[in-house]
Amino acid sequence: MTDLIARAVAVLAVYVLVAGAASAAPYAAMVIDARSGEVLHSRNADTRLHPASLTKMMTLYVVFEAVENGEITLDTPVKISRRAAAEPPSKLGLRAGSTIKLRYLIRASAVKSANDAATALAEAIEGSEAAFARRMNRTAKALGMARTTFKNAHGLTESGHLSTARDMTQLGRALFFHYPEYYNLFSRQSTHAGIREVRNTNRRLLGAYRGADGIKTGYTSAAGFNLVASARRGNERVIATVFGGRSSTWRNQRVAELLDMGFKRSPTRVALREPARPDYAGGGAGSFALAVTRSLRPRSRPLAAPAPEILIAMQEDIETAVAEVAALKAAPDPRARPDDVVPQGGTEVVAMAATAATPAPRPKPAVQAVATAAGAAKLEVVARSSTSGERLWAINLGQQPSRYHAEKLLLKTALQELDTLDEALRKVVRRPTGFEANFVGLTRAEAETACARLSARRLGCEISGP
């Protein structure tokens, strides 16, 4: 009897040890000073594990990048596929065939961790989830996430879909620094996602830990309970990551302990070293935006060089631009072309310029005084008047989070649409809700043609006129 009891105790001890080892094996953690990137604590940080919904941090990073590049807008309507609608929970409840704005899919992915929303985002950006996963991997490689491989956009368990605590901590830091205008999404206790209100999967830590403001949870049976969390106290910011938590309560408690450790170990003052943006140069595996594989226009033909006034208006020094435009006023326009289409009696006729006529000088640009940050007035070229009286139409590309993003969108669009926007001037208008990107100085026909071509590329635009 004693032997049986002893053997049973031995077997139980072995079982406990094996079970304990199995539960401890997937655990990994890392803590960094977000300002400098310095590692303050790590454990199994380079072990490849299942990231679960931490994957959606990369999904959203790529989406933010696509919006910044002008590939898609926040208000672009996205049609939901059967594949996206059929994703298992957690989900928003999207129906196949329905449409929803991109901004609501972003909210659902960031706050609710909705799998159907993540798949819909992937299909909206790259056409398929497989193509989007390849883009995720290119971006991961460009960010230095050397031990991460993505197979899908949502993070549900799939063979080979693996990451590490170090890589996910690095990704969380990149999201914070590269897209601060979107970072507030991760701190919302709840948000409206187009079809219903959704609650944050990380709301308990956000509400319980002082200074916590993001960023993403994850759970599958294979991964356990994962979390990348960021918190700020004074000038200090710490990011902590846990893989393989035994429960959400255990995970949150452990993350709170790691954040406390980070604040104790991080210096009060440290030199800020922002993470580098993804380097896609070279057209290799890390490039998606610079590798041109097909013409963006249906046919190729010689294009006239942009007008001198447009090149001048593109210069950053507006005062110099105004002076140079004034100097061009007296010079005749060497380009002879038909006048603009003029409506007469409900029909459109083309009034041809007389071949023997002397080309008229280019009209003088309108100049507007703009108050700078220092309070001083600064001249800005905002439009060009026209002797024909018809160049009073404009195209609005929507609002951007900063002047830089608005100017970048205008420049990229102008280069893609030289056929229709060659004569337009770019204008950025500051609004209470953002910076509005506009092309001005167009005829109605030019504005309608340009907007139709942009809409075909899924770029939102609105036409306005006199």
Protein backbone atom coordinates (compact mmCIF):
# COMPACT_ATOMS: atom_id res chain seq x y z
CA MET A 1 0.00 0.00 0.00
CA THR A 2 2.82 2.32 0.89
CA ASP A 3 4.50 1.54 -2.43
CA LEU A 4 1.32 2.36 -4.31
CA ILE A 5 0.96 5.71 -2.53
CA ALA A 6 4.61 6.53 -3.16
CA ARG A 7 4.26 5.64 -6.83
CA ALA A 8 1.10 7.73 -7.14
CA VAL A 9 2.82 10.71 -5.52
CA ALA A 10 5.78 10.32 -7.89
CA VAL A 11 3.49 10.17 -10.93
CA LEU A 12 1.58 13.23 -9.70
CA ALA A 13 4.83 15.11 -9.18
CA VAL A 14 5.99 14.30 -12.69
CA TYR A 15 2.62 15.39 -14.06
CA VAL A 16 2.78 18.70 -12.21
CA LEU A 17 6.31 19.33 -13.44
CA VAL A 18 5.38 18.53 -17.04
CA ALA A 19 2.20 20.61 -16.87
CA GLY A 20 4.10 23.48 -15.27
CA ALA A 21 6.78 23.31 -17.93
CA ALA A 22 4.16 23.24 -20.68
CA SER A 23 2.37 26.27 -19.27
CA ALA A 24 5.61 28.16 -18.71
CA ALA A 25 7.19 27.31 -22.10
CA PRO A 26 5.23 29.84 -24.19
CA TYR A 27 5.69 32.69 -21.72
CA ALA A 28 7.80 35.59 -22.98
CA ALA A 29 8.12 39.21 -21.91
CA MET A 30 9.94 42.42 -22.71
CA VAL A 31 10.01 45.95 -21.30
CA ILE A 32 11.59 48.94 -23.08
CA ASP A 33 11.98 52.67 -22.59
CA ALA A 34 9.88 53.94 -25.48
CA ARG A 35 11.88 57.15 -25.79
CA SER A 36 15.21 55.52 -26.51
CA GLY A 37 14.26 51.93 -27.31
CA GLU A 38 16.53 50.66 -24.50
CA VAL A 39 15.62 47.19 -23.25
CA LEU A 40 14.91 47.30 -19.50
CA HIS A 41 13.90 43.64 -19.04
CA SER A 42 13.43 40.60 -21.26
CA ARG A 43 12.60 36.93 -20.94
CA ASN A 44 12.39 34.54 -23.91
CA ALA A 45 12.06 37.72 -25.98
CA ASP A 46 13.34 36.07 -29.18
CA THR A 47 11.28 32.87 -28.91
CA ARG A 48 8.92 32.53 -31.87
CA LEU A 49 5.37 32.20 -30.55
CA HIS A 50 1.80 32.69 -31.74
CA PRO A 51 1.02 36.44 -31.66
CA ALA A 52 -2.79 36.05 -31.90
CA SER A 53 -4.48 39.44 -32.37
CA LEU A 54 -1.26 41.35 -31.75
CA THR A 55 -1.06 40.71 -35.50
CA LYS A 56 -3.59 43.48 -36.00
CA MET A 57 -0.95 46.03 -34.97
CA MET A 58 0.85 45.27 -38.23
CA THR A 59 -2.44 45.17 -40.15
CA LEU A 60 -3.22 48.67 -38.92
CA TYR A 61 0.35 49.89 -39.51
CA VAL A 62 0.08 48.89 -43.18
CA VAL A 63 -3.39 50.47 -43.46
CA PHE A 64 -2.14 53.75 -41.96
CA GLU A 65 0.76 53.65 -44.40
CA ALA A 66 -1.61 53.11 -47.34
CA VAL A 67 -3.74 56.08 -46.26
CA GLU A 68 -0.62 58.23 -45.92
CA ASN A 69 0.53 57.18 -49.39
CA GLY A 70 -2.80 58.16 -50.93
CA GLU A 71 -3.67 54.56 -51.92
CA ILE A 72 -6.99 54.77 -50.09
CA THR A 73 -8.86 57.23 -47.88
CA LEU A 74 -10.53 56.93 -44.51
CA ASP A 75 -13.91 57.52 -46.16
CA THR A 76 -13.45 54.96 -48.95
CA PRO A 77 -16.44 52.58 -48.92
CA VAL A 78 -15.30 48.97 -48.57
CA LYS A 79 -17.46 46.11 -49.84
CA ILE A 80 -17.47 43.14 -47.48
CA SER A 81 -16.63 39.77 -49.03
CA ARG A 82 -18.03 36.41 -47.98
CA ARG A 83 -14.60 35.46 -46.68
CA ALA A 84 -14.43 38.49 -44.39
CA ALA A 85 -18.01 38.08 -43.16
CA ALA A 86 -17.36 34.41 -42.33
CA GLU A 87 -14.38 35.03 -40.02
CA PRO A 88 -14.91 33.61 -36.51
CA PRO A 89 -15.22 35.84 -33.42
CA SER A 90 -14.21 38.23 -32.18
CA LYS A 91 -16.03 40.10 -34.95
CA LEU A 92 -18.00 43.24 -35.72
CA GLY A 93 -20.82 41.35 -37.45
CA LEU A 94 -20.31 42.52 -41.03
CA ARG A 95 -22.59 41.07 -43.70
CA ALA A 96 -21.35 39.87 -47.08
CA GLY A 97 -22.18 42.37 -49.81
CA SER A 98 -22.58 45.31 -47.44
CA THR A 99 -20.36 48.39 -47.56
CA ILE A 100 -18.74 50.30 -44.74
CA LYS A 101 -16.23 53.14 -44.59
CA LEU A 102 -12.60 52.27 -44.04
CA ARG A 103 -12.42 54.36 -40.86
CA TYR A 104 -14.96 52.10 -39.13
CA LEU A 105 -13.02 48.96 -40.05
CA ILE A 106 -9.94 50.57 -38.49
CA ARG A 107 -11.84 51.32 -35.29
CA ALA A 108 -13.27 47.81 -35.08
CA SER A 109 -9.83 46.24 -35.57
CA ALA A 110 -8.05 48.48 -33.07
CA VAL A 111 -10.68 48.57 -30.33
CA LYS A 112 -12.86 45.45 -30.72
CA SER A 113 -10.08 43.33 -32.31
CA ALA A 114 -12.64 42.25 -34.90
CA ASN A 115 -11.40 39.53 -37.24
CA ASP A 116 -13.95 40.26 -39.98
CA ALA A 117 -12.87 43.92 -40.00
CA ALA A 118 -9.18 42.98 -40.25
CA THR A 119 -9.81 40.72 -43.26
CA ALA A 120 -11.91 43.43 -44.92
CA LEU A 121 -9.06 45.91 -44.45
CA ALA A 122 -6.61 43.48 -46.04
CA GLU A 123 -8.83 42.93 -49.07
CA ALA A 124 -9.48 46.66 -49.46
CA ILE A 125 -5.76 47.50 -49.56
CA GLU A 126 -4.30 44.60 -51.57
CA GLY A 127 -7.28 42.78 -53.09
CA SER A 128 -6.73 39.57 -51.12
CA GLU A 129 -5.60 38.58 -47.66
CA ALA A 130 -2.71 36.54 -49.07
CA ALA A 131 -1.33 39.55 -50.93
CA PHE A 132 -1.80 41.69 -47.86
CA ALA A 133 0.11 39.16 -45.73
CA ARG A 134 3.03 39.41 -48.16
CA ARG A 135 2.98 43.17 -47.73
CA MET A 136 2.88 42.74 -43.94
CA ASN A 137 6.00 40.61 -44.14
CA ARG A 138 7.81 43.16 -46.34
CA THR A 139 6.97 45.87 -43.84
CA ALA A 140 8.04 43.69 -40.90
CA LYS A 141 11.38 43.03 -42.57
CA ALA A 142 11.85 46.75 -43.31
CA LEU A 143 11.14 47.54 -39.64
CA GLY A 144 13.74 45.03 -38.47
CA MET A 145 11.27 42.42 -37.17
CA ALA A 146 13.63 39.61 -38.11
CA ARG A 147 11.82 36.69 -36.47
CA THR A 148 8.25 37.45 -37.51
CA THR A 149 6.21 35.78 -40.26
CA PHE A 150 2.60 36.73 -40.99
CA LYS A 151 0.14 34.45 -42.80
CA ASN A 152 -3.07 36.45 -42.24
CA ALA A 153 -4.33 39.85 -41.16
CA HIS A 154 -6.25 38.88 -38.02
CA GLY A 155 -3.91 36.60 -36.07
CA LEU A 156 -6.00 33.44 -35.82
CA THR A 157 -3.74 30.41 -35.42
CA GLU A 158 -2.12 29.30 -38.67
CA SER A 159 0.96 27.21 -39.29
CA GLY A 160 4.03 29.43 -39.58
CA HIS A 161 2.24 32.55 -38.34
CA LEU A 162 4.72 33.47 -35.58
CA SER A 163 6.37 36.43 -33.91
CA THR A 164 8.36 37.32 -30.78
CA ALA A 165 7.99 39.58 -27.78
CA ARG A 166 10.90 41.67 -29.06
CA ASP A 167 9.41 42.14 -32.52
CA MET A 168 5.95 43.04 -31.22
CA THR A 169 7.41 45.51 -28.73
CA GLN A 170 9.31 47.11 -31.57
CA LEU A 171 6.13 47.26 -33.68
CA GLY A 172 4.20 48.91 -30.84
CA ARG A 173 6.89 51.56 -30.56
CA ALA A 174 6.84 52.15 -34.33
CA LEU A 175 3.06 52.63 -34.29
CA PHE A 176 3.36 55.22 -31.53
CA PHE A 177 6.06 57.27 -33.25
CA HIS A 178 5.15 56.86 -36.92
CA TYR A 179 1.37 57.34 -36.67
CA PRO A 180 0.66 59.44 -33.56
CA GLU A 181 -2.48 60.84 -35.20
CA TYR A 182 -4.06 57.36 -35.00
CA TYR A 183 -2.59 56.20 -31.70
CA ASN A 184 -5.53 57.51 -29.67
CA LEU A 185 -7.64 54.70 -31.13
CA PHE A 186 -5.89 52.20 -28.88
CA SER A 187 -6.82 54.11 -25.71
CA ARG A 188 -10.56 54.45 -26.38
CA GLN A 189 -12.70 52.58 -23.88
CA SER A 190 -15.35 52.31 -26.58
CA THR A 191 -16.04 53.70 -30.05
CA HIS A 192 -18.67 53.64 -32.76
CA ALA A 193 -17.71 51.30 -35.61
CA GLY A 194 -20.30 52.27 -38.19
CA ILE A 195 -22.90 49.64 -37.42
CA ARG A 196 -22.66 49.53 -33.63
CA GLU A 197 -20.74 50.65 -30.55
CA VAL A 198 -17.81 48.43 -29.60
CA ARG A 199 -15.84 48.16 -26.35
CA ASN A 200 -12.08 47.96 -25.98
CA THR A 201 -10.69 44.49 -25.26
CA ASN A 202 -8.00 46.21 -23.13
CA ARG A 203 -10.36 48.40 -21.11
CA ARG A 204 -9.56 46.76 -17.75
CA LEU A 205 -5.87 47.62 -17.87
CA LEU A 206 -6.62 51.07 -19.34
CA GLY A 207 -8.97 51.79 -16.47
CA ALA A 208 -6.84 50.29 -13.70
CA TYR A 209 -3.25 51.25 -14.46
CA ARG A 210 -2.23 54.90 -14.04
CA GLY A 211 -0.89 56.31 -17.29
CA ALA A 212 -1.87 53.37 -19.51
CA ASP A 213 -2.96 54.51 -22.99
CA GLY A 214 -2.77 51.45 -25.28
CA ILE A 215 -2.20 49.38 -27.23
CA LYS A 216 -3.35 45.81 -28.21
CA THR A 217 -4.51 42.52 -26.72
CA GLY A 218 -4.51 39.06 -28.27
CA TYR A 219 -5.82 35.60 -27.39
CA THR A 220 -6.09 32.16 -28.96
CA SER A 221 -5.88 28.77 -27.29
CA ALA A 222 -2.49 28.21 -28.94
CA ALA A 223 -1.11 31.62 -27.99
CA GLY A 224 -2.55 32.17 -24.56
CA PHE A 225 -3.28 35.71 -23.39
CA ASN A 226 -0.99 38.27 -25.08
CA LEU A 227 -0.69 42.01 -24.61
CA VAL A 228 1.45 44.92 -25.75
CA ALA A 229 0.84 47.85 -23.41
CA SER A 230 2.16 51.39 -23.24
CA ALA A 231 1.98 53.84 -20.34
CA ARG A 232 3.20 57.37 -19.72
CA ARG A 233 4.07 59.11 -16.47
CA GLY A 234 5.49 62.60 -16.75
CA ASN A 235 8.21 62.58 -19.39
CA GLU A 236 8.68 58.83 -19.20
CA ARG A 237 7.00 56.28 -21.46
CA VAL A 238 7.37 52.51 -21.12
CA ILE A 239 6.18 49.69 -23.38
CA ALA A 240 5.72 46.17 -21.98
CA THR A 241 4.84 42.96 -23.83
CA VAL A 242 3.62 39.59 -22.55
CA PHE A 243 3.15 36.40 -24.57
CA GLY A 244 1.48 33.29 -23.17
CA GLY A 245 -0.50 34.59 -20.21
CA ARG A 246 -2.62 32.01 -18.34
CA SER A 247 -5.66 34.29 -18.14
CA SER A 248 -6.58 37.89 -18.87
CA THR A 249 -6.36 38.73 -15.17
CA TRP A 250 -2.93 37.10 -14.82
CA ARG A 251 -1.77 38.80 -18.01
CA ASN A 252 -2.91 42.25 -16.87
CA GLN A 253 -1.30 41.79 -13.46
CA ARG A 254 1.99 40.71 -15.02
CA VAL A 255 1.97 43.61 -17.50
CA ALA A 256 1.32 46.05 -14.63
CA GLU A 257 4.32 44.61 -12.79
CA LEU A 258 6.48 44.94 -15.91
CA LEU A 259 5.38 48.55 -16.45
CA ASP A 260 6.22 49.32 -12.81
CA MET A 261 9.64 47.75 -13.33
CA GLY A 262 10.11 49.83 -16.46
CA PHE A 263 9.32 53.11 -14.73
CA LYS A 264 11.72 52.24 -11.89
CA ARG A 265 14.54 51.38 -14.26
CA SER A 266 14.09 54.09 -16.90
CA PRO A 267 15.94 57.37 -16.38
CA THR A 268 14.02 60.59 -15.84
CA ARG A 269 15.70 62.18 -18.83
CA VAL A 270 16.99 60.43 -21.88
CA ALA A 271 17.82 61.40 -25.44
CA LEU A 272 14.88 60.75 -27.76
CA ARG A 273 15.72 58.29 -30.55
CA GLU A 274 12.72 57.72 -32.77
CA PRO A 275 12.57 54.42 -34.65
CA ALA A 276 13.45 54.64 -38.33
CA ARG A 277 10.69 54.47 -40.91
CA PRO A 278 10.56 51.31 -43.05
CA ASP A 279 13.25 51.41 -45.72
CA TYR A 280 11.74 50.14 -48.96
CA ALA A 281 14.53 51.50 -51.17
CA GLY A 282 16.11 49.24 -53.75
CA GLY A 283 12.94 47.68 -55.13
CA GLY A 284 13.70 44.37 -53.42
CA ALA A 285 11.63 42.30 -51.07
CA GLY A 286 11.02 45.27 -48.85
CA SER A 287 9.60 47.50 -51.54
CA PHE A 288 6.00 47.88 -52.60
CA ALA A 289 5.60 51.58 -53.34
CA LEU A 290 8.69 52.19 -55.43
CA ALA A 291 8.57 49.16 -57.69
CA VAL A 292 6.43 50.14 -60.70
CA THR A 293 5.33 47.04 -62.58
CA ARG A 294 2.68 48.58 -64.86
CA SER A 295 1.66 51.92 -66.30
CA LEU A 296 -0.77 53.91 -64.19
CA ARG A 297 -2.39 55.29 -67.40
CA PRO A 298 -4.18 53.26 -70.06
CA ARG A 299 -1.86 54.55 -72.79
CA SER A 300 1.41 56.40 -73.04
CA ARG A 301 1.96 59.56 -75.04
CA PRO A 302 4.32 62.56 -74.90
CA LEU A 303 3.38 65.07 -72.21
CA ALA A 304 4.05 68.78 -72.24
CA ALA A 305 6.28 70.12 -69.50
CA PRO A 306 4.43 71.76 -66.58
CA ALA A 307 3.89 75.50 -66.90
CA PRO A 308 6.61 77.69 -65.33
CA GLU A 309 4.10 79.16 -62.87
CA ILE A 310 3.25 75.67 -61.56
CA LEU A 311 6.90 74.80 -61.02
CA ILE A 312 7.35 78.08 -59.19
CA ALA A 313 4.27 77.52 -57.03
CA MET A 314 5.74 74.18 -55.96
CA GLN A 315 8.71 75.91 -54.36
CA GLU A 316 8.70 76.12 -50.59
CA ASP A 317 9.75 79.76 -50.55
CA ILE A 318 6.51 81.49 -51.52
CA GLU A 319 7.99 84.99 -51.55
CA THR A 320 10.50 83.96 -54.18
CA ALA A 321 7.76 82.25 -56.16
CA VAL A 322 5.65 85.42 -56.23
CA ALA A 323 8.59 87.46 -57.48
CA GLU A 324 9.35 84.97 -60.25
CA VAL A 325 5.71 84.81 -61.34
CA ALA A 326 5.64 88.58 -61.58
CA ALA A 327 8.72 88.42 -63.83
CA LEU A 328 6.96 85.91 -66.09
CA LYS A 329 3.99 88.19 -66.55
CA ALA A 330 5.62 90.20 -69.31
CA ALA A 331 6.84 87.13 -71.22
CA PRO A 332 4.52 85.67 -73.89
CA ASP A 333 3.25 82.12 -73.49
CA PRO A 334 5.11 79.97 -76.08
CA ARG A 335 2.46 77.30 -75.97
CA ALA A 336 -0.38 77.68 -78.51
CA ARG A 337 -3.45 75.56 -77.84
CA PRO A 338 -7.26 75.77 -78.26
CA ASP A 339 -9.06 77.94 -75.77
CA ASP A 340 -11.13 76.28 -73.09
CA VAL A 341 -14.45 74.64 -73.89
CA VAL A 342 -17.14 77.32 -73.58
CA PRO A 343 -20.82 76.35 -73.19
CA GLN A 344 -23.16 78.14 -75.64
CA GLY A 345 -26.87 77.56 -75.78
CA GLY A 346 -26.68 74.27 -73.95
CA THR A 347 -23.99 72.82 -76.24
CA GLU A 348 -20.21 72.81 -75.96
CA VAL A 349 -18.15 74.36 -78.77
CA VAL A 350 -14.40 74.75 -79.01
CA ALA A 351 -13.30 78.30 -79.81
CA MET A 352 -10.01 77.94 -81.69
CA ALA A 353 -7.40 80.61 -81.19
CA ALA A 354 -6.38 82.48 -84.34
CA THR A 355 -3.17 80.98 -85.67
CA ALA A 356 -1.71 84.39 -86.48
CA ALA A 357 -2.60 85.91 -83.13
CA THR A 358 0.15 86.84 -80.71
CA PRO A 359 0.09 84.57 -77.63
CA ALA A 360 -1.29 86.41 -74.62
CA PRO A 361 0.86 86.74 -71.52
CA ARG A 362 0.10 84.36 -68.66
CA PRO A 363 -2.23 85.93 -66.08
CA LYS A 364 -0.86 87.05 -62.73
CA PRO A 365 -1.46 84.69 -59.80
CA ALA A 366 -3.71 85.77 -57.00
CA VAL A 367 -1.81 86.28 -53.76
CA GLN A 368 -3.22 85.74 -50.29
CA ALA A 369 -1.72 86.78 -46.94
CA VAL A 370 -1.44 83.87 -44.56
CA ALA A 371 -0.62 84.23 -40.86
CA THR A 372 2.38 82.13 -39.87
CA ALA A 373 2.96 80.50 -36.49
CA ALA A 374 5.08 83.48 -35.45
CA GLY A 375 2.26 85.89 -36.29
CA ALA A 376 3.92 87.47 -39.31
CA ALA A 377 2.08 87.65 -42.62
CA LYS A 378 3.38 85.46 -45.41
CA LEU A 379 2.35 85.55 -49.06
CA GLU A 380 0.99 82.39 -50.60
CA VAL A 381 0.04 81.65 -54.21
CA VAL A 382 -3.48 80.26 -53.98
CA ALA A 383 -5.00 80.54 -57.45
CA ARG A 384 -4.52 81.93 -60.93
CA SER A 385 -7.10 84.11 -62.64
CA SER A 386 -7.92 83.41 -66.26
CA THR A 387 -8.79 85.66 -69.16
CA SER A 388 -11.29 83.05 -70.28
CA GLY A 389 -13.21 83.35 -67.00
CA GLU A 390 -13.68 79.59 -66.89
CA ARG A 391 -10.78 78.43 -64.68
CA LEU A 392 -12.82 78.79 -61.53
CA TRP A 393 -13.32 75.12 -60.73
CA ALA A 394 -11.52 73.09 -58.05
CA ILE A 395 -11.11 69.52 -56.83
CA ASN A 396 -11.15 68.68 -53.12
CA LEU A 397 -9.25 65.50 -52.13
CA GLY A 398 -10.45 65.56 -48.54
CA GLN A 399 -8.80 66.42 -45.23
CA GLN A 400 -5.44 65.19 -43.96
CA PRO A 401 -4.08 65.17 -40.39
CA SER A 402 -1.25 67.63 -41.16
CA ARG A 403 -0.10 70.12 -43.80
CA TYR A 404 2.73 67.76 -44.69
CA HIS A 405 0.30 64.91 -45.45
CA ALA A 406 -1.95 67.23 -47.50
CA GLU A 407 0.96 68.55 -49.59
CA LYS A 408 2.29 65.03 -50.08
CA LEU A 409 -1.11 63.81 -51.31
CA LEU A 410 -1.38 66.73 -53.74
CA LEU A 411 2.10 66.19 -55.14
CA LYS A 412 1.62 62.45 -55.61
CA THR A 413 -1.77 62.96 -57.26
CA ALA A 414 -0.39 65.67 -59.56
CA LEU A 415 2.41 63.40 -60.75
CA GLN A 416 -0.05 60.57 -61.44
CA GLU A 417 -2.51 62.84 -63.30
CA LEU A 418 -0.34 65.12 -65.43
CA ASP A 419 -2.86 64.72 -68.26
CA THR A 420 -5.66 66.46 -66.38
CA LEU A 421 -3.95 68.41 -63.58
CA ASP A 422 -1.10 69.99 -65.53
CA GLU A 423 -2.75 73.42 -65.39
CA ALA A 424 -3.94 73.19 -61.77
CA LEU A 425 -2.41 74.82 -58.72
CA ARG A 426 -2.18 73.05 -55.38
CA LYS A 427 -3.76 74.67 -52.35
CA VAL A 428 -3.85 73.51 -48.71
CA VAL A 429 -6.54 75.05 -46.49
CA ARG A 430 -6.43 74.66 -42.74
CA ARG A 431 -9.76 73.68 -41.20
CA PRO A 432 -10.70 73.07 -37.55
CA THR A 433 -10.73 69.32 -38.25
CA GLY A 434 -7.60 69.06 -40.42
CA PHE A 435 -5.85 70.28 -43.56
CA GLU A 436 -7.86 70.28 -46.78
CA ALA A 437 -6.06 69.30 -50.00
CA ASN A 438 -7.29 71.07 -53.16
CA PHE A 439 -6.44 71.54 -56.83
CA VAL A 440 -7.65 74.93 -58.05
CA GLY A 441 -7.65 76.88 -61.33
CA LEU A 442 -9.35 74.21 -63.48
CA THR A 443 -12.04 74.37 -66.13
CA ARG A 444 -15.20 72.44 -65.42
CA ALA A 445 -14.30 69.82 -68.03
CA GLU A 446 -10.82 69.36 -66.56
CA ALA A 447 -12.18 69.07 -63.03
CA GLU A 448 -14.81 66.48 -64.02
CA THR A 449 -12.32 64.41 -66.02
CA ALA A 450 -9.70 64.49 -63.28
CA CYS A 451 -12.19 63.57 -60.56
CA ALA A 452 -13.56 60.69 -62.64
CA ARG A 453 -10.05 59.30 -63.16
CA LEU A 454 -9.22 59.66 -59.46
CA SER A 455 -12.46 57.96 -58.45
CA ALA A 456 -11.57 55.05 -60.74
CA ARG A 457 -8.44 54.64 -58.60
CA ARG A 458 -10.54 54.64 -55.42
CA LEU A 459 -9.34 58.14 -54.46
CA GLY A 460 -12.09 60.32 -53.05
CA CYS A 461 -12.64 63.74 -54.59
CA GLU A 462 -15.29 66.44 -54.82
CA ILE A 463 -15.76 69.11 -57.50
CA SER A 464 -16.58 72.70 -56.63
CA GLY A 465 -17.12 75.67 -58.90
CA PRO A 466 -18.45 79.21 -59.13
